[in-house]
C-alpha atoms as a PDB file:
ATOM      1  CA  MET A   1     107.344 -79.443  -7.166  1.00  0.00           C
ATOM      2  CA  ASN A   2     105.275 -82.336  -8.487  1.00  0.00           C
ATOM      3  CA  GLY A   3     106.658 -85.461 -10.171  1.00  0.00           C
ATOM      4  CA  LEU A   4     106.423 -84.140 -13.745  1.00  0.00           C
ATOM      5  CA  GLY A   5     108.094 -80.891 -12.745  1.00  0.00           C
ATOM      6  CA  LYS A   6     110.982 -82.783 -11.193  1.00  0.00           C
ATOM      7  CA  ILE A   7     111.413 -84.905 -14.311  1.00  0.00           C
ATOM      8  CA  TYR A   8     111.318 -81.829 -16.559  1.00  0.00           C
ATOM      9  CA  HIS A   9     113.860 -80.031 -14.362  1.00  0.00           C
ATOM     10  CA  PHE A  10     116.142 -83.102 -14.348  1.00  0.00           C
ATOM     11  CA  TYR A  11     116.222 -83.342 -18.155  1.00  0.00           C
ATOM     12  CA  ARG A  12     116.469 -79.577 -18.680  1.00  0.00           C
ATOM     13  CA  GLU A  13     119.520 -79.350 -16.446  1.00  0.00           C
ATOM     14  CA  GLY A  14     121.035 -82.455 -18.019  1.00  0.00           C
ATOM     15  CA  PHE A  15     120.753 -81.074 -21.548  1.00  0.00           C
ATOM     16  CA  ARG A  16     121.984 -77.690 -20.448  1.00  0.00           C
ATOM     17  CA  ASN A  17     125.177 -79.212 -19.030  1.00  0.00           C
ATOM     18  CA  LEU A  18     125.998 -81.466 -22.008  1.00  0.00           C
ATOM     19  CA  PRO A  19     129.513 -81.261 -23.416  1.00  0.00           C
ATOM     20  CA  SER A  20     129.913 -80.228 -27.044  1.00  0.00           C
ATOM     21  CA  TRP A  21     130.137 -83.833 -28.318  1.00  0.00           C
ATOM     22  CA  GLY A  22     126.896 -84.659 -26.517  1.00  0.00           C
ATOM     23  CA  ARG A  23     125.053 -81.902 -28.362  1.00  0.00           C
ATOM     24  CA  THR A  24     126.512 -83.152 -31.641  1.00  0.00           C
ATOM     25  CA  LEU A  25     125.241 -86.651 -30.913  1.00  0.00           C
ATOM     26  CA  TRP A  26     121.755 -85.341 -30.133  1.00  0.00           C
ATOM     27  CA  ALA A  27     121.779 -83.349 -33.378  1.00  0.00           C
ATOM     28  CA  ILE A  28     122.668 -86.521 -35.296  1.00  0.00           C
ATOM     29  CA  ILE A  29     119.881 -88.436 -33.541  1.00  0.00           C
ATOM     30  CA  LEU A  30     117.296 -85.762 -34.356  1.00  0.00           C
ATOM     31  CA  ILE A  31     118.379 -85.605 -38.007  1.00  0.00           C
ATOM     32  CA  LYS A  32     118.116 -89.389 -38.310  1.00  0.00           C
ATOM     33  CA  LEU A  33     114.625 -89.350 -36.781  1.00  0.00           C
ATOM     34  CA  PHE A  34     113.590 -86.633 -39.205  1.00  0.00           C
ATOM     35  CA  VAL A  35     114.849 -88.699 -42.137  1.00  0.00           C
ATOM     36  CA  MET A  36     113.156 -91.861 -40.906  1.00  0.00           C
ATOM     37  CA  PHE A  37     109.745 -90.376 -40.242  1.00  0.00           C
ATOM     38  CA  VAL A  38     109.447 -87.594 -42.825  1.00  0.00           C
ATOM     39  CA  VAL A  39     111.591 -88.418 -45.833  1.00  0.00           C
ATOM     40  CA  PHE A  40     110.851 -92.156 -45.840  1.00  0.00           C
ATOM     41  CA  LYS A  41     107.133 -91.452 -45.484  1.00  0.00           C
ATOM     42  CA  LEU A  42     107.167 -89.109 -48.465  1.00  0.00           C
ATOM     43  CA  PHE A  43     109.162 -91.288 -50.850  1.00  0.00           C
ATOM     44  CA  PHE A  44     108.679 -94.916 -49.831  1.00  0.00           C
ATOM     45  CA  PHE A  45     105.279 -95.208 -48.144  1.00  0.00           C
ATOM     46  CA  ARG A  46     102.926 -93.603 -50.614  1.00  0.00           C
ATOM     47  CA  ASP A  47      99.181 -94.112 -50.359  1.00  0.00           C
ATOM     48  CA  THR A  48      98.680 -96.440 -53.317  1.00  0.00           C
ATOM     49  CA  LEU A  49      95.077 -97.262 -52.461  1.00  0.00           C
ATOM     50  CA  LYS A  50      94.114 -93.615 -52.706  1.00  0.00           C
ATOM     51  CA  ASN A  51      95.722 -93.378 -56.145  1.00  0.00           C
ATOM     52  CA  LYS A  52      94.117 -96.564 -57.543  1.00  0.00           C
ATOM     53  CA  TYR A  53      90.611 -96.374 -56.093  1.00  0.00           C
ATOM     54  CA  SER A  54      88.376 -93.336 -55.927  1.00  0.00           C
ATOM     55  CA  SER A  55      85.898 -94.319 -53.217  1.00  0.00           C
ATOM     56  CA  ASP A  56      86.167 -95.789 -49.743  1.00  0.00           C
ATOM     57  CA  GLU A  57      84.003 -98.738 -50.773  1.00  0.00           C
ATOM     58  CA  GLU A  58      86.402 -99.718 -53.575  1.00  0.00           C
ATOM     59  CA  ARG A  59      89.374 -99.483 -51.197  1.00  0.00           C
ATOM     60  CA  ALA A  60      87.601-101.569 -48.571  1.00  0.00           C
ATOM     61  CA  ARG A  61      86.649-104.212 -51.134  1.00  0.00           C
ATOM     62  CA  HIS A  62      90.243-104.417 -52.397  1.00  0.00           C
ATOM     63  CA  VAL A  63      91.661-104.804 -48.877  1.00  0.00           C
ATOM     64  CA  LEU A  64      89.078-107.484 -48.040  1.00  0.00           C
ATOM     65  CA  GLU A  65      89.908-109.408 -51.217  1.00  0.00           C
ATOM     66  CA  GLU A  66      93.654-109.232 -50.449  1.00  0.00           C
ATOM     67  CA  LEU A  67      93.160-110.420 -46.883  1.00  0.00           C
ATOM     68  CA  VAL A  68      90.920-113.309 -47.856  1.00  0.00           C
ATOM     69  CA  THR A  69      93.043-114.551 -50.769  1.00  0.00           C
ATOM     70  CA  GLN A  70      96.382-114.294 -48.962  1.00  0.00           C
END
């Protein structure tokens, strides 16, 4: 078995032998990651440049102006 196969086997067996509280903790971790990367992206990190400016040139000009004046 190569190195990646050994690593995969190690983690597969480890997750298979987790106690019930360990699986609950992993479920909580996965739910939190989902919230951080999906829900926050949808509601808090909207693409405001795409909504304000119609072309790529206008967006680029706005970003350049903000970088130079700041």
